[in-house]
Protein backbone atom coordinates (compact mmCIF):
# COMPACT_ATOMS: atom_id res chain seq x y z
CA UNK A 1 -12.93 5.49 -9.84
CA UNK A 2 -14.52 8.53 -7.76
CA UNK A 3 -12.74 10.78 -5.88
CA UNK A 4 -13.48 11.94 -2.64
CA UNK A 5 -12.83 15.55 -1.43
CA UNK A 6 -10.01 14.94 0.50
CA UNK A 7 -9.78 18.32 2.32
CA UNK A 8 -13.20 16.74 4.37
CA UNK A 9 -11.52 13.25 4.76
CA UNK A 10 -8.50 14.71 6.45
CA UNK A 11 -9.02 15.45 10.22
CA UNK A 12 -12.24 13.62 9.86
CA UNK A 13 -11.23 9.82 9.21
CA UNK A 14 -8.36 8.00 9.86
CA UNK A 15 -6.24 6.32 7.14
CA UNK A 16 -4.59 3.29 5.72
CA UNK A 17 -2.23 3.13 3.07
CA UNK A 18 -1.16 -0.73 2.05
CA UNK A 19 1.60 -1.31 -0.65
CA UNK A 20 1.49 -4.30 -1.68
CA UNK A 21 5.08 -4.37 -2.73
CA UNK A 22 5.58 -5.75 -6.18
CA UNK A 23 2.25 -6.84 -6.99
CA UNK A 24 1.65 -7.43 -10.74
CA UNK A 25 -1.17 -5.56 -12.56
CA UNK A 26 -2.24 -8.52 -14.50
CA UNK A 27 -1.89 -11.32 -11.83
CA UNK A 28 -4.38 -8.89 -9.27
CA UNK A 29 -7.01 -9.08 -12.19
CA UNK A 30 -6.72 -12.17 -12.40
CA UNK A 31 -7.29 -13.50 -8.98
CA UNK A 32 -9.80 -11.05 -8.51
CA UNK A 33 -12.08 -12.03 -11.63
CA UNK A 34 -11.51 -16.02 -10.87
CA UNK A 35 -12.68 -15.24 -7.12
CA UNK A 36 -9.69 -15.98 -5.37
CA UNK A 37 -9.40 -12.42 -3.70
CA UNK A 38 -12.83 -12.53 -1.68
CA UNK A 39 -11.87 -9.85 1.12
CA UNK A 40 -10.38 -7.27 -1.13
CA UNK A 41 -13.33 -7.51 -3.59
CA UNK A 42 -15.54 -6.62 -0.56
CA UNK A 43 -14.06 -3.45 -0.59
CA UNK A 44 -13.14 -2.64 -3.70
CA UNK A 45 -15.62 -1.04 -6.32
CA UNK A 46 -17.79 -3.03 -8.50
CA UNK A 47 -15.35 -2.17 -11.45
CA UNK A 48 -12.38 -4.09 -9.23
CA UNK A 49 -8.59 -3.02 -9.72
CA UNK A 50 -7.90 0.22 -11.63
CA UNK A 51 -4.79 0.12 -14.28
CA UNK A 52 -2.39 2.40 -13.20
CA UNK A 53 1.14 3.28 -13.96
CA UNK A 54 3.72 3.49 -10.92
CA UNK A 55 5.58 6.52 -9.89
CA UNK A 56 9.18 4.34 -10.00
CA UNK A 57 9.89 0.96 -11.12
CA UNK A 58 11.40 -0.23 -7.36
CA UNK A 59 10.40 0.12 -3.77
CA UNK A 60 12.39 3.57 -2.70
CA UNK A 61 12.13 5.82 -5.90
CA UNK A 62 8.06 4.68 -5.67
CA UNK A 63 7.58 5.22 -2.11
CA UNK A 64 9.58 8.48 -2.25
CA UNK A 65 7.03 9.52 -4.82
CA UNK A 66 3.92 8.34 -3.20
CA UNK A 67 4.83 10.20 0.10
CA UNK A 68 5.28 13.30 -1.73
CA UNK A 69 1.86 12.90 -3.07
CA UNK A 70 2.28 11.21 -6.29
CA UNK A 71 0.25 8.06 -6.08
CA UNK A 72 0.52 5.42 -9.24
CA UNK A 73 -1.40 7.43 -12.26
CA UNK A 74 -4.48 6.41 -13.61
CA UNK A 75 -3.46 4.46 -17.12
CA UNK A 76 -5.43 6.67 -19.58
CA UNK A 77 -4.51 10.15 -20.97
CA UNK A 78 -4.77 12.65 -18.15
CA UNK A 79 -4.17 15.31 -16.64
CA UNK A 80 -5.54 13.33 -13.27
CA UNK A 81 -6.23 15.34 -10.47
CA UNK A 82 -4.42 14.10 -7.25
CA UNK A 83 -5.81 12.87 -3.62
CA UNK A 84 -2.68 15.24 -2.23
CA UNK A 85 -0.19 17.24 -3.51
CA UNK A 86 2.76 19.26 -2.18
CA UNK A 87 1.74 23.05 -3.02
CA UNK A 88 4.21 24.06 -5.76
CA UNK A 89 3.44 26.31 -8.80
CA UNK A 90 2.33 25.03 -11.71
CA UNK A 91 1.36 21.76 -10.93
CA UNK A 92 -1.76 20.56 -13.16
CA UNK A 93 -2.67 17.55 -10.93
CA UNK A 94 -3.95 19.89 -7.81
CA UNK A 95 -7.46 20.43 -8.28
CA UNK A 96 -10.77 21.22 -5.95
CA UNK A 97 -10.95 18.33 -3.45
CA UNK A 98 -6.92 17.96 -3.33
CA UNK A 99 -5.40 18.07 -0.14
CA UNK A 100 -3.02 20.49 -0.37
CA UNK A 101 -0.13 20.83 1.65
CA UNK A 102 3.23 22.85 2.68
CA UNK A 103 5.25 20.30 3.73
CA UNK A 104 7.81 17.81 2.25
CA UNK A 105 5.65 15.01 2.75
CA UNK A 106 2.32 13.75 3.25
CA UNK A 107 3.07 11.90 6.21
CA UNK A 108 4.56 15.49 8.04
CA UNK A 109 1.50 16.77 6.80
CA UNK A 110 -0.67 14.81 8.36
CA UNK A 111 1.09 14.38 11.66
CA UNK A 112 0.99 18.60 11.74
CA UNK A 113 -3.03 18.08 11.27
CA UNK A 114 -2.91 15.91 14.69
CA UNK A 115 -2.21 12.29 13.45
CA UNK A 116 -0.43 9.95 15.08
CA UNK A 117 1.50 8.42 11.95
CA UNK A 118 3.10 4.52 12.18
CA UNK A 119 4.44 2.81 9.93
CA UNK A 120 4.87 -0.86 9.44
CA UNK A 121 7.52 -1.95 7.36
CA UNK A 122 8.02 -4.88 5.24
CA UNK A 123 10.72 -5.16 2.65
CA UNK A 124 14.62 -3.90 3.49
CA UNK A 125 13.74 -0.37 2.83
CA UNK A 126 12.31 -0.14 6.26
CA UNK A 127 14.53 -2.42 8.39
CA UNK A 128 15.60 0.25 9.92
CA UNK A 129 19.05 -1.66 10.03
CA UNK A 130 21.63 0.76 8.27
CA UNK A 131 20.95 4.71 7.08
CA UNK A 132 19.09 3.83 3.91
CA UNK A 133 17.03 1.22 5.87
CA UNK A 134 16.20 4.19 8.13
CA UNK A 135 14.68 6.91 5.62
CA UNK A 136 11.75 5.82 5.16
CA UNK A 137 10.35 5.15 8.33
CA UNK A 138 11.69 8.31 9.69
CA UNK A 139 9.25 10.37 8.31
CA UNK A 140 7.00 8.56 10.65
CA UNK A 141 6.44 9.18 14.46
CA UNK A 142 6.30 5.40 15.11
CA UNK A 143 7.75 2.52 12.82
CA UNK A 144 8.31 -0.88 13.11
CA UNK A 145 10.16 -3.56 11.58
CA UNK A 146 11.25 -6.94 12.80
CA UNK A 147 13.06 -10.23 10.95
CA UNK A 148 9.01 -11.46 10.81
CA UNK A 149 8.12 -8.62 8.62
CA UNK A 150 10.42 -9.39 6.11
CA UNK A 151 10.49 -10.90 2.64
CA UNK A 152 12.44 -13.93 3.98
CA UNK A 153 9.17 -14.81 6.60
CA UNK A 154 6.22 -17.08 5.17
CA UNK A 155 4.03 -14.79 7.82
CA UNK A 156 4.98 -11.90 7.23
CA UNK A 157 1.54 -10.46 6.72
CA UNK A 158 -0.14 -11.78 9.48
CA UNK A 159 2.64 -10.70 11.86
CA UNK A 160 2.39 -7.52 10.48
CA UNK A 161 -1.24 -7.40 11.11
CA UNK A 162 -0.99 -8.27 14.64
CA UNK A 163 1.29 -5.70 14.85
CA UNK A 164 -1.18 -3.13 13.39
CA UNK A 165 -4.24 -4.88 15.60
CA UNK A 166 -1.93 -3.90 18.78
CA UNK A 167 -0.90 0.00 17.37
CA UNK A 168 -4.33 0.74 16.92
CA UNK A 169 -5.88 -0.63 20.03
CA UNK A 170 -3.64 0.99 22.15
CA UNK A 171 -4.33 4.97 20.78
CA UNK A 172 -6.75 6.92 22.39
CA UNK A 173 -9.93 6.56 21.32
CA UNK A 174 -10.05 10.59 20.11
CA UNK A 175 -6.84 10.05 18.32
CA UNK A 176 -6.61 10.07 14.65
CA UNK A 177 -3.93 7.71 12.83
CA UNK A 178 -2.13 7.36 9.45
CA UNK A 179 -0.92 3.58 9.21
CA UNK A 180 1.08 2.60 6.33
CA UNK A 181 1.95 -0.82 5.97
CA UNK A 182 4.09 -2.24 3.19
CA UNK A 183 3.31 -5.75 2.51
CA UNK A 184 6.40 -7.73 1.68
CA UNK A 185 4.82 -11.14 1.15
CA UNK A 186 4.36 -10.46 -2.94
CA UNK A 187 8.62 -9.83 -3.18
CA UNK A 188 10.42 -12.17 -3.83
CA UNK A 189 11.06 -15.20 -1.99
CA UNK A 190 7.59 -16.36 -2.69
CA UNK A 191 7.81 -20.05 -3.60
CA UNK A 192 7.00 -20.71 0.21
CA UNK A 193 3.32 -19.84 -0.57
CA UNK A 194 2.42 -22.46 -3.36
CA UNK A 195 1.89 -25.96 -2.29
CA UNK A 196 4.37 -28.27 -3.71
CA UNK A 197 6.74 -25.33 -5.29
CA UNK A 198 10.29 -25.41 -4.32
CA UNK A 199 13.29 -23.56 -3.23
CA UNK A 200 15.19 -25.07 -6.30
CA UNK A 201 12.51 -24.04 -8.67
CA UNK A 202 12.24 -20.29 -7.83
CA UNK A 203 9.58 -17.99 -7.71
CA UNK A 204 6.83 -17.86 -10.77
CA UNK A 205 3.50 -15.65 -11.45
CA UNK A 206 2.28 -18.95 -9.78
CA UNK A 207 4.07 -18.36 -6.24
CA UNK A 208 3.28 -14.49 -7.18
CA UNK A 209 -0.46 -15.45 -7.42
CA UNK A 210 -0.48 -17.51 -3.94
CA UNK A 211 1.32 -14.56 -2.19
CA UNK A 212 -1.24 -12.80 -2.98
CA UNK A 213 -4.12 -14.84 -2.08
CA UNK A 214 -2.17 -15.60 1.33
CA UNK A 215 -2.21 -11.49 1.75
CA UNK A 216 -6.47 -11.65 0.87
CA UNK A 217 -6.73 -14.41 3.99
CA UNK A 218 -5.53 -11.93 6.32
CA UNK A 219 -6.35 -8.22 4.94
CA UNK A 220 -10.20 -8.41 6.42
CA UNK A 221 -8.28 -8.28 10.51
CA UNK A 222 -6.26 -5.41 9.03
CA UNK A 223 -9.37 -3.40 7.72
CA UNK A 224 -11.31 -4.26 11.15
CA UNK A 225 -8.72 -2.87 13.08
CA UNK A 226 -8.45 0.14 11.16
CA UNK A 227 -12.38 0.93 11.00
CA UNK A 228 -12.96 0.28 14.87
CA UNK A 229 -12.89 3.74 16.09
CA UNK A 230 -14.17 5.48 13.17
CA UNK A 231 -14.45 5.32 9.58
CA UNK A 232 -11.00 4.81 7.69
CA UNK A 233 -10.04 6.03 4.25
CA UNK A 234 -8.05 3.05 2.84
CA UNK A 235 -5.70 3.43 -0.12
CA UNK A 236 -4.46 -0.44 -1.50
CA UNK A 237 -2.07 -0.65 -4.39
CA UNK A 238 1.49 -1.54 -5.61
CA UNK A 239 4.17 0.21 -5.51
CA UNK A 240 5.74 -1.54 -8.90
CA UNK A 241 5.53 -4.35 -10.31
CA UNK A 242 7.93 -7.19 -11.22
CA UNK A 243 8.82 -9.39 -14.20
CA UNK A 244 9.17 -13.25 -14.21
CA UNK A 245 10.99 -13.45 -17.35
CA UNK A 246 8.90 -11.50 -19.39
CA UNK A 247 10.41 -10.69 -22.81
CA UNK A 248 13.47 -12.06 -21.16
CA UNK A 249 13.32 -9.84 -18.03
CA UNK A 250 13.43 -10.88 -14.33
CA UNK A 251 13.01 -8.79 -11.27
CA UNK A 252 12.18 -4.67 -11.08
CA UNK A 253 14.17 -1.39 -11.47
CA UNK A 254 13.62 -1.69 -15.13
CA UNK A 255 11.36 -0.46 -17.78
CA UNK A 256 8.82 -3.31 -18.62
CA UNK A 257 5.43 -2.73 -19.01
CA UNK A 258 5.28 -5.78 -15.88
CA UNK A 259 7.39 -3.12 -13.50
CA UNK A 260 5.31 -0.33 -14.79
CA UNK A 261 1.62 -1.35 -14.46
CA UNK A 262 -0.34 -1.33 -11.09
CA UNK A 263 -2.96 -2.54 -9.50
CA UNK A 264 -4.92 0.18 -7.44
CA UNK A 265 -7.96 1.38 -5.50
CA UNK A 266 -9.53 3.53 -2.48
CA UNK A 267 -12.32 3.06 -0.39
CA UNK A 268 -13.96 4.24 2.68
CA UNK A 269 -14.24 1.54 5.53
CA UNK A 270 -17.08 2.36 7.78
CA UNK A 271 -16.78 2.00 11.38
CA UNK A 272 -17.83 -1.20 12.88
CA UNK A 273 -19.91 0.65 15.91
CA UNK A 274 -20.01 4.31 16.92
CA UNK A 275 -17.28 6.84 15.76
CA UNK A 276 -15.40 8.13 18.64
């Protein structure tokens, strides 16, 4: 996947980080190849999802790493130069084109360079309902979470997108924005996205796939909002996968291939009209 010079991107373009919480690589590829993700595939490279290894095996660990500059790593022998990196001696993945910062995390670094930073939370680590649920949202200048964004809401992603549309529309035209959205729809419970599935039967790869199709139906609105003011650099990836009985394993926060292997993509969203 082409790696842009992030020193040119930062300060010029708006930025979007969309994490599709718990999305499995195999399910993402299967749906893409079957033509069931038209809106995502319209923007990803022709090669489709890139196979990568997650920096953590559950949401909190993975997002702490991502915000520190450790995006999912290409699943081929490296080293692999990173898009973003905190400055530290001996880094073997900092290269020309890497945006290097002295701040402790990317969110703070972008804020220091004039970006308005926005978090639209999804799973419980972003719910702001206790000390732990405030750690990740607390990195951002503006953060949003409500029960309609949660794993229990069958309309979570469309409600998150609606909030993103509102936030972006209210920003001054010249204000650069870094918007992070953690999509909770794929996380269990997701049985309600598949017609005919029941709570008693529970979640499965099939309901997980149905949740991804649900996200794809609404993601175009998010992309349009983010390119409504100027060009936007977008990263779409999973933070970790999840197991549905694979080798006897269920869930995540465990060391199984279904958890460690994730889909990744980055691309530019060209502006809908002239840049501000």
